[in-house]
Protein backbone atom coordinates (compact mmCIF):
# COMPACT_ATOMS: atom_id res chain seq x y z
CA MET A 1 109.91 120.70 153.47
CA ASN A 2 111.74 120.33 157.19
CA VAL A 3 113.08 123.92 157.99
CA SER A 4 116.31 122.51 159.28
CA GLU A 5 117.54 120.68 155.84
CA THR A 6 117.47 124.33 154.41
CA PRO A 7 120.91 125.54 155.62
CA GLY A 8 121.88 128.91 153.71
CA LEU A 9 118.42 130.43 153.18
CA THR A 10 119.48 134.00 154.35
CA ASP A 11 122.61 133.46 152.22
CA ARG A 12 120.56 132.91 149.41
CA VAL A 13 118.10 136.00 150.55
CA ALA A 14 120.96 138.23 151.20
CA ASP A 15 122.59 137.58 147.59
CA HIS A 16 119.49 138.52 146.36
CA LEU A 17 119.16 141.75 147.96
CA ALA A 18 122.84 142.68 147.23
CA ALA A 19 121.92 142.15 143.33
CA ALA A 20 119.14 144.39 143.76
CA ASP A 21 118.08 146.37 140.48
CA PHE A 22 115.38 148.92 139.64
CA ALA A 23 115.70 147.22 136.12
CA ALA A 24 114.48 144.01 137.51
CA LEU A 25 111.17 145.64 138.70
CA SER A 26 108.30 145.66 135.41
CA GLY A 27 106.15 148.50 135.24
CA ALA A 28 103.03 147.15 137.41
CA ASP A 29 105.46 146.46 140.36
CA VAL A 30 106.98 150.30 139.79
CA ALA A 31 102.80 151.17 139.92
CA ARG A 32 101.84 148.99 142.58
CA ALA A 33 104.63 150.55 144.68
CA LYS A 34 103.85 154.00 144.05
CA GLN A 35 100.34 153.57 144.70
CA ARG A 36 101.11 151.92 148.04
CA LEU A 37 103.65 154.96 148.63
CA LEU A 38 100.87 157.84 147.86
CA ASP A 39 98.45 156.11 150.03
CA SER A 40 100.95 155.82 152.60
CA ILE A 41 101.74 159.34 152.79
CA GLY A 42 98.12 160.56 153.32
CA ASN A 43 97.76 158.16 155.89
CA ILE A 44 100.68 159.46 157.76
CA ALA A 45 99.36 163.05 157.23
CA ALA A 46 95.81 161.89 158.63
CA GLY A 47 97.49 159.81 161.69
CA ALA A 48 98.82 162.93 162.68
CA GLN A 49 95.17 163.94 164.33
CA ALA A 50 94.84 160.45 166.12
CA ALA A 51 94.91 159.94 169.82
CA GLY A 52 98.83 159.38 170.48
CA SER A 53 100.49 161.15 167.93
CA ALA A 54 101.09 164.56 169.67
CA GLU A 55 102.91 162.43 172.25
CA VAL A 56 104.87 160.32 170.25
CA LEU A 57 106.05 162.93 168.33
CA GLY A 58 106.97 165.10 171.68
CA LEU A 59 108.99 161.84 172.79
CA VAL A 60 110.86 161.38 169.33
CA ARG A 61 111.56 165.14 169.77
CA ARG A 62 112.99 164.59 173.05
CA TRP A 63 114.99 161.49 172.48
CA GLY A 64 117.09 164.14 170.37
CA GLY A 65 119.95 162.97 168.63
CA ALA A 66 121.72 163.41 164.74
CA ALA A 67 119.51 165.18 162.51
CA GLU A 68 119.24 162.78 159.69
CA ALA A 69 115.46 162.24 158.92
CA THR A 70 112.02 164.13 159.48
CA PRO A 71 108.80 162.52 161.49
CA LEU A 72 106.41 163.52 158.86
CA THR A 73 104.02 165.98 159.76
CA ALA A 74 106.91 167.34 161.99
CA ALA A 75 109.45 170.28 161.47
CA GLU A 76 112.68 168.59 163.70
CA ARG A 77 114.91 166.00 162.24
CA VAL A 78 115.55 163.24 164.41
CA PRO A 79 117.46 159.92 163.85
CA ALA A 80 116.65 158.23 161.29
CA LEU A 81 115.26 155.33 163.13
CA HIS A 82 112.99 157.54 165.32
CA ALA A 83 111.38 158.82 162.19
CA ALA A 84 110.76 155.55 160.83
CA PHE A 85 109.19 154.74 164.35
CA ALA A 86 106.79 157.71 164.56
CA ASN A 87 106.05 157.53 160.77
CA ALA A 88 104.92 154.26 161.50
CA VAL A 89 102.60 154.78 164.33
CA LEU A 90 100.88 157.85 162.70
CA MET A 91 100.19 155.62 159.79
CA ARG A 92 98.54 152.53 162.06
CA SER A 93 96.34 155.04 163.72
CA TYR A 94 93.07 154.56 162.11
CA ASP A 95 93.96 151.57 160.68
CA PHE A 96 93.78 152.45 157.45
CA GLU A 97 96.62 151.51 155.55
CA ALA A 98 97.34 148.95 152.72
CA ILE A 99 97.27 145.12 153.98
CA GLY A 100 97.13 141.43 152.14
CA ALA A 101 100.34 139.85 151.14
CA ASP A 102 99.61 138.38 148.02
CA SER A 103 101.40 135.13 146.60
CA PRO A 104 101.49 133.30 143.22
CA GLY A 105 98.52 131.79 143.74
CA GLY A 106 96.65 134.65 144.44
CA ALA A 107 96.30 133.82 148.15
CA GLN A 108 96.40 136.62 150.68
CA ILE A 109 97.87 136.84 154.03
CA PRO A 110 96.75 138.97 156.96
CA SER A 111 99.46 141.59 156.73
CA HIS A 112 99.83 145.26 157.33
CA ILE A 113 103.35 145.17 155.68
CA THR A 114 103.46 148.98 154.02
CA GLY A 115 103.13 150.85 157.49
CA THR A 116 106.38 149.64 158.14
CA THR A 117 108.38 149.53 155.23
CA VAL A 118 107.15 152.49 153.62
CA SER A 119 108.20 154.65 156.78
CA VAL A 120 111.38 152.84 157.29
CA ALA A 121 111.61 153.74 153.13
CA LEU A 122 110.86 157.45 153.83
CA ALA A 123 113.22 158.33 157.07
CA VAL A 124 116.30 156.16 155.51
CA ALA A 125 116.20 157.59 151.87
CA GLU A 126 115.78 161.19 153.37
CA ALA A 127 118.69 160.20 155.77
CA ARG A 128 121.10 159.39 153.18
CA ARG A 129 119.32 162.08 150.43
CA ARG A 130 118.62 158.79 148.26
CA SER A 131 116.66 158.83 144.59
CA GLY A 132 112.88 158.11 144.33
CA ARG A 133 114.20 155.08 142.10
CA GLU A 134 116.15 154.21 144.74
CA MET A 135 113.99 154.14 147.27
CA LEU A 136 111.81 152.58 145.04
CA THR A 137 113.96 149.59 144.75
CA ALA A 138 114.14 149.12 148.12
CA LEU A 139 110.66 149.49 149.16
CA VAL A 140 109.33 146.67 146.17
CA TYR A 141 112.29 144.33 147.31
CA GLY A 142 111.92 144.53 151.04
CA ASP A 143 107.76 144.35 150.24
CA ASP A 144 108.58 141.15 148.48
CA LEU A 145 110.45 139.75 151.50
CA ALA A 146 108.03 140.44 154.12
CA ALA A 147 105.36 138.54 151.86
CA ARG A 148 107.14 135.86 150.81
CA LEU A 149 108.09 135.46 154.78
CA GLY A 150 104.69 135.47 155.70
CA HIS A 151 103.15 133.07 153.28
CA ALA A 152 106.49 130.74 154.15
CA THR A 153 105.43 130.88 157.56
CA GLY A 154 101.15 131.30 157.67
CA PHE A 155 100.08 133.48 160.03
CA ASP A 156 96.53 133.18 162.34
CA VAL A 157 95.33 136.04 163.14
CA TYR A 158 94.13 134.55 166.34
CA GLY A 159 96.98 132.54 167.07
CA GLY A 160 98.49 135.06 169.66
CA GLY A 161 101.00 136.79 167.55
CA ASP A 162 101.27 140.00 165.66
CA ASN A 163 102.97 139.40 162.16
CA THR A 164 103.58 143.22 161.78
CA GLY A 165 105.87 142.52 164.53
CA THR A 166 107.61 139.38 162.82
CA ILE A 167 107.65 139.78 159.06
CA ASN A 168 107.75 143.27 158.81
CA ALA A 169 110.86 143.91 160.64
CA LEU A 170 112.56 141.62 158.17
CA GLY A 171 111.10 143.05 155.30
CA ALA A 172 111.77 146.20 156.48
CA THR A 173 115.87 145.70 157.33
CA ALA A 174 115.75 144.62 153.55
CA THR A 175 115.22 147.97 152.75
CA ALA A 176 116.77 149.76 155.39
CA GLY A 177 119.72 148.00 153.82
CA LEU A 178 119.27 148.44 150.56
CA LEU A 179 119.09 152.17 151.16
CA LEU A 180 122.41 152.17 153.27
CA GLY A 181 124.43 150.19 150.54
CA LEU A 182 125.18 147.21 152.73
CA ASP A 183 126.92 144.28 150.81
CA GLN A 184 126.08 140.93 151.15
CA ARG A 185 127.55 139.94 154.19
CA GLN A 186 126.06 143.25 156.10
CA LEU A 187 122.33 142.53 154.35
CA ARG A 188 122.80 138.56 156.22
CA ASP A 189 123.86 140.12 159.46
CA ALA A 190 121.37 142.69 159.60
CA LEU A 191 118.48 140.00 158.94
CA GLY A 192 120.14 137.93 161.80
CA LEU A 193 120.11 141.03 164.05
CA ALA A 194 116.33 141.67 163.53
CA VAL A 195 115.51 138.40 164.63
CA ASN A 196 116.67 139.03 167.96
CA GLN A 197 113.99 142.14 168.35
CA LEU A 198 110.66 140.10 167.02
CA GLY A 199 107.61 140.41 168.86
CA GLY A 200 104.15 141.96 169.56
CA THR A 201 100.75 140.61 170.79
CA ILE A 202 96.76 140.31 169.64
CA ALA A 203 95.98 140.91 173.06
CA ASN A 204 96.46 144.80 171.80
CA VAL A 205 93.25 144.46 169.79
CA PHE A 206 91.60 142.29 171.32
CA ASP A 207 91.77 144.91 174.25
CA LYS A 208 91.57 147.85 171.98
CA VAL A 209 94.45 149.89 173.22
CA LEU A 210 97.07 152.19 171.60
CA ALA A 211 99.71 149.44 171.97
CA PHE A 212 98.20 148.14 168.64
CA LYS A 213 99.67 150.59 166.91
CA LEU A 214 103.23 149.36 168.31
CA PRO A 215 104.57 146.42 166.68
CA ILE A 216 104.36 148.35 163.06
CA ALA A 217 106.23 150.27 164.33
CA LEU A 218 108.65 149.07 166.63
CA SER A 219 109.71 146.90 163.63
CA ALA A 220 110.09 150.23 161.70
CA ARG A 221 112.88 151.30 164.52
CA ASN A 222 114.18 147.85 164.95
CA ALA A 223 114.71 147.34 161.27
CA VAL A 224 116.85 150.40 160.79
CA PHE A 225 118.56 149.64 164.06
CA SER A 226 119.45 146.55 163.01
CA ALA A 227 121.07 147.92 159.39
CA GLU A 228 122.62 150.76 161.03
CA LEU A 229 124.43 148.08 163.25
CA ALA A 230 124.95 145.51 160.75
CA ALA A 231 126.85 148.63 158.79
CA THR A 232 129.31 148.84 161.87
CA GLY A 233 130.66 144.92 161.23
CA PHE A 234 128.42 143.84 164.07
CA SER A 235 127.69 140.06 163.16
CA GLY A 236 124.24 137.85 163.34
CA PRO A 237 123.81 134.42 163.19
CA GLU A 238 124.68 132.59 160.02
CA ASP A 239 121.19 131.46 158.98
CA ALA A 240 118.70 133.38 161.14
CA LEU A 241 115.90 132.65 158.36
CA GLY A 242 116.22 128.59 157.49
CA GLY A 243 118.55 127.49 160.12
CA PRO A 244 117.32 125.41 163.42
CA PHE A 245 116.67 128.34 165.62
CA GLY A 246 115.55 130.76 162.69
CA TYR A 247 112.65 132.74 161.84
CA LEU A 248 110.77 130.16 160.04
CA ARG A 249 111.21 127.48 162.57
CA ARG A 250 110.59 129.68 165.41
CA TYR A 251 107.46 131.79 164.30
CA GLY A 252 105.70 129.27 161.45
CA LYS A 253 104.07 125.73 161.83
CA ASP A 254 105.12 123.72 158.89
CA SER A 255 106.81 125.89 157.65
CA ASP A 256 107.54 126.21 153.56
CA PRO A 257 111.01 127.65 152.37
CA ALA A 258 110.36 127.15 148.80
CA LYS A 259 107.73 129.54 149.74
CA VAL A 260 110.76 132.38 150.05
CA THR A 261 112.78 131.44 147.38
CA ASP A 262 110.33 130.36 144.32
CA ARG A 263 111.19 133.04 141.68
CA LEU A 264 112.87 134.99 143.56
CA GLY A 265 113.79 138.26 141.90
CA LEU A 266 111.42 137.37 138.99
CA ASP A 267 108.33 138.18 140.83
CA PHE A 268 107.86 140.54 143.28
CA TYR A 269 104.62 140.58 146.17
CA ALA A 270 103.57 143.05 148.37
CA ASP A 271 100.24 144.45 149.98
CA ALA A 272 97.68 143.95 147.71
CA VAL A 273 94.61 146.08 149.00
CA ILE A 274 94.32 149.51 149.70
CA LYS A 275 91.47 150.50 151.84
CA PRO A 276 88.63 152.10 151.01
CA TRP A 277 87.21 152.63 154.99
CA PRO A 278 89.38 153.56 157.78
CA SER A 279 88.84 149.88 159.71
CA CYS A 280 89.95 146.52 160.06
CA ARG A 281 89.99 144.11 156.63
CA ALA A 282 87.65 141.84 158.94
CA SER A 283 84.82 144.58 159.00
CA HIS A 284 84.60 145.11 154.90
CA PRO A 285 82.66 142.60 153.76
CA THR A 286 79.63 143.61 155.55
CA LEU A 287 80.46 147.38 155.35
CA ASP A 288 80.27 146.65 151.26
CA GLY A 289 76.98 144.54 151.74
CA VAL A 290 75.15 147.36 154.12
CA LEU A 291 76.18 150.28 151.76
CA ARG A 292 75.13 148.46 148.46
CA ILE A 293 71.68 147.77 149.55
CA VAL A 294 71.33 151.29 151.12
CA SER A 295 72.94 152.97 148.27
CA GLU A 296 71.08 151.29 145.80
CA HIS A 297 67.65 150.92 147.07
CA ASP A 298 67.91 154.32 148.49
CA ILE A 299 67.05 153.03 152.27
CA ALA A 300 67.08 156.26 154.33
CA ALA A 301 67.99 155.30 157.86
CA ASP A 302 64.59 155.93 159.57
CA ASP A 303 63.23 153.39 156.96
CA VAL A 304 65.49 150.55 158.83
CA GLU A 305 63.92 147.80 160.92
CA ARG A 306 66.03 144.97 161.23
CA VAL A 307 69.83 144.09 160.01
CA LEU A 308 71.23 141.15 160.58
CA LEU A 309 75.24 140.79 159.40
CA HIS A 310 75.80 137.22 158.65
CA VAL A 311 79.39 136.01 158.94
CA THR A 312 81.42 132.88 159.79
CA PRO A 313 82.05 131.98 163.95
CA ARG A 314 85.36 132.86 163.48
CA THR A 315 84.51 136.25 162.85
CA LYS A 316 81.89 136.17 165.05
CA ALA A 317 84.17 135.36 168.27
CA GLY A 318 87.35 137.30 167.24
CA PHE A 319 88.14 141.13 167.73
CA VAL A 320 85.91 142.46 165.31
CA GLY A 321 82.88 140.33 166.40
CA GLN A 322 82.89 141.95 170.17
CA PRO A 323 80.11 143.98 171.97
CA PHE A 324 81.26 148.24 170.83
CA ALA A 325 81.86 150.18 173.65
CA VAL A 326 83.86 153.29 173.28
CA GLY A 327 86.56 152.31 175.68
CA ASP A 328 89.71 154.45 176.50
CA SER A 329 90.58 154.49 173.00
CA PRO A 330 87.47 155.28 170.59
CA GLU A 331 89.66 155.41 167.22
CA VAL A 332 91.01 151.69 167.96
CA SER A 333 87.41 150.96 169.43
CA GLY A 334 85.71 151.75 166.15
CA ALA A 335 87.84 150.38 163.81
CA PHE A 336 87.57 146.79 164.98
CA SER A 337 84.53 146.76 165.30
CA ILE A 338 81.71 145.40 162.90
CA LEU A 339 78.47 146.58 164.81
CA PHE A 340 79.97 150.13 164.78
CA THR A 341 81.40 150.20 161.14
CA ALA A 342 77.86 148.77 159.91
CA ALA A 343 75.32 151.17 162.13
CA THR A 344 77.46 153.83 160.98
CA ALA A 345 77.12 153.08 157.15
CA LEU A 346 73.33 152.52 157.76
CA LEU A 347 73.31 155.87 159.24
CA ASP A 348 75.67 157.99 157.13
CA ARG A 349 75.97 155.48 154.09
CA THR A 350 79.74 155.72 154.18
CA LEU A 351 82.45 155.63 157.16
CA GLU A 352 85.31 158.26 157.28
CA LEU A 353 87.59 159.84 160.00
CA ARG A 354 85.19 162.03 160.93
CA HIS A 355 83.36 159.23 162.29
CA MET A 356 86.31 157.73 164.35
CA GLY A 357 85.92 159.77 167.61
CA GLU A 358 83.93 160.29 170.67
CA PRO A 359 81.66 162.74 169.09
CA HIS A 360 79.85 160.47 166.50
CA MET A 361 80.29 157.43 168.95
CA SER A 362 78.05 159.17 171.66
CA ASP A 363 75.41 159.92 169.04
CA PRO A 364 72.07 158.69 170.60
CA ARG A 365 71.53 157.86 166.79
CA LEU A 366 74.06 155.68 166.70
CA ALA A 367 73.13 153.67 170.06
CA GLU A 368 69.90 153.13 168.73
CA MET A 369 71.37 151.59 165.07
CA MET A 370 73.40 149.48 166.76
CA SER A 371 70.06 148.26 168.90
CA ARG A 372 68.65 147.26 164.79
CA VAL A 373 72.11 145.07 163.92
CA GLU A 374 72.38 141.82 164.72
CA LEU A 375 76.08 139.94 164.18
CA VAL A 376 74.81 136.64 163.31
CA ASP A 377 77.74 133.52 162.58
CA SER A 378 75.51 131.40 160.11
CA LEU A 379 78.44 131.59 157.25
CA PRO A 380 80.85 128.06 156.63
CA PRO A 381 83.59 128.24 159.10
CA ASP A 382 85.84 127.78 156.11
CA GLU A 383 85.10 131.07 154.48
CA ILE A 384 87.77 133.61 154.36
CA LEU A 385 86.67 137.80 154.05
CA THR A 386 83.10 137.29 153.00
CA ALA A 387 79.67 138.48 154.54
CA GLU A 388 76.03 138.38 153.86
CA VAL A 389 73.93 141.30 154.91
CA GLU A 390 70.41 141.07 155.40
CA LEU A 391 67.85 144.38 155.46
CA ARG A 392 64.28 144.82 156.68
CA THR A 393 62.72 147.95 156.15
CA ARG A 394 59.66 149.28 158.20
CA ASP A 395 57.31 149.03 155.07
CA GLY A 396 58.13 145.50 154.72
CA GLU A 397 60.56 145.46 152.05
CA HIS A 398 63.54 142.91 152.74
CA TYR A 399 67.00 142.35 150.90
CA ARG A 400 69.27 140.22 151.02
CA VAL A 401 73.19 140.33 149.31
CA ARG A 402 76.44 138.31 149.42
CA VAL A 403 80.26 140.16 149.42
CA ASP A 404 82.97 137.17 148.24
CA HIS A 405 85.18 140.08 147.44
CA PRO A 406 85.34 143.45 149.39
CA LEU A 407 86.63 146.67 147.64
CA GLY A 408 89.85 147.48 147.81
CA ASP A 409 91.78 144.25 146.20
CA LEU A 410 94.24 144.68 143.53
CA HIS A 411 93.41 141.91 141.56
CA VAL A 412 89.80 141.23 141.74
CA ASN A 413 87.84 144.79 143.32
CA PRO A 414 90.31 147.44 143.10
CA LEU A 415 89.79 150.90 144.32
CA GLY A 416 90.82 152.34 141.29
CA ASP A 417 93.30 155.60 140.81
CA GLU A 418 90.46 158.01 141.49
CA ARG A 419 89.17 156.68 144.48
CA VAL A 420 92.77 156.14 145.48
CA GLU A 421 93.18 159.46 144.81
CA ALA A 422 90.33 161.08 146.80
CA LYS A 423 91.01 158.84 149.52
CA PHE A 424 94.64 160.49 149.82
CA ARG A 425 93.22 164.32 149.02
CA SER A 426 90.79 163.79 152.18
CA ASN A 427 93.70 162.34 154.48
CA ILE A 428 95.89 165.08 153.82
CA GLU A 429 92.64 167.60 154.53
CA TRP A 430 92.15 165.60 157.61
CA GLY A 431 95.88 166.25 158.39
CA GLY A 432 95.38 170.46 157.97
CA LEU A 433 97.41 170.63 155.42
CA PRO A 434 96.39 172.90 152.51
CA GLU A 435 95.17 171.47 149.16
CA ASP A 436 98.07 172.59 147.14
CA ARG A 437 100.08 170.30 149.24
CA ALA A 438 98.28 167.30 147.84
CA ASP A 439 99.02 168.61 144.17
CA ARG A 440 102.23 168.97 144.77
CA LEU A 441 102.64 165.25 146.26
CA ILE A 442 100.64 163.36 143.60
CA GLU A 443 102.87 165.15 141.20
CA LEU A 444 105.83 164.00 143.53
CA ILE A 445 104.93 160.94 143.36
CA ASP A 446 103.83 160.22 139.83
CA GLY A 447 107.31 160.86 138.74
CA PHE A 448 108.76 159.58 141.84
CA GLU A 449 111.47 157.29 139.68
CA ALA A 450 112.85 160.37 138.08
CA LEU A 451 113.16 161.94 141.80
CA ASP A 452 116.80 163.20 142.82
CA ASP A 453 116.31 163.54 146.34
CA VAL A 454 113.27 162.21 148.34
CA SER A 455 113.71 164.64 151.40
CA GLU A 456 110.77 166.91 149.95
CA ILE A 457 108.30 164.50 150.78
CA ALA A 458 108.92 165.92 154.30
CA ARG A 459 109.36 169.26 153.64
CA LEU A 460 106.23 169.48 151.67
CA LEU A 461 104.24 167.61 155.29
CA ALA A 462 106.02 169.74 157.49
């Protein structure tokens, strides 16, 4: 369908958002949102310890302004858009947040929607003293819009752009707008204002720099700004999504507006993967394979002679296939390196936040293990998120496994509630918070739809 033949797409979306209702959500929709929320809060808590986080929180404090919402892990309240920005920076820090927006056919696109929408929901809901039910409604509707827009435009992770700076801003604008109580016209205007602020480059990831956190965080800030500006009556373009100069035409190739509207309000989509490890999802198939072999066969690190990591040519040529170097931003270098993550798993049978820094990366054992690991572009080029791991031991044993569905996907290989909670507790501990805070937060999220005021989350994380 030609995008220019779809006038009024933004109006249809705004009509849908203006009618948002918690009663329209299924139990599964609510449960998914609460799981993403719990995981996100843990990731923010852990992110307080990451490089650049203290500086961002200090900058936000220096900006000052109205005391509306709390950047999580801090104590001072700041304008909601600044709190949303800081929340998103912290959440993105270890590349540990939920990913993979799903669709009617089950296909996923590379996405990190949750890092923006949850950050915005927490900030605006606190600022406006919204209930848990209101926040969950706004979150599910915003996630769904972002997922639909992502599938409508398609996304090539090696195309140069970063969709955390596009669909995230639009989905989060819907979330902010609902929490601010915008009407249909204001919601339409807010989406149009947000389209004026989209951007981001995948160069951040290729170059392994802290700026990789910015598209997701600027989307959060710009979403709140767009919704607040629209609330004043400031107008935006009439059809910022489907018009001849709108989002679908500017950011997509062969965009399909029907993917935005098909069963809109009946089915709700979102990120479908809760990550088990703090690294790029493209490294997870090889991690799965390595851990399966060494765990099932009880292979010690010293017994490993040679490991071949079979991936697609596209994966090997991409940012996760680059030679590993600690660089100026070790956390980023480690998160986006298959060689690093696989070698760490061979050494310690896991990958944890304690590994994502210079002490581990400077360990001579790691360099020695990486010298035994080789990345091979032998898999068919049309495969997605697959790997085969081939391991030979010093005593001549040979093992090979194939991974088609790495751990964490809600639909085919879920992490499970027990492991999601364990991840959350580990992140809370890494963030330096006492165990009783984790207990209370788990209890709070479990009954979130009955909560009268969501601001208790900020107090518990301070």
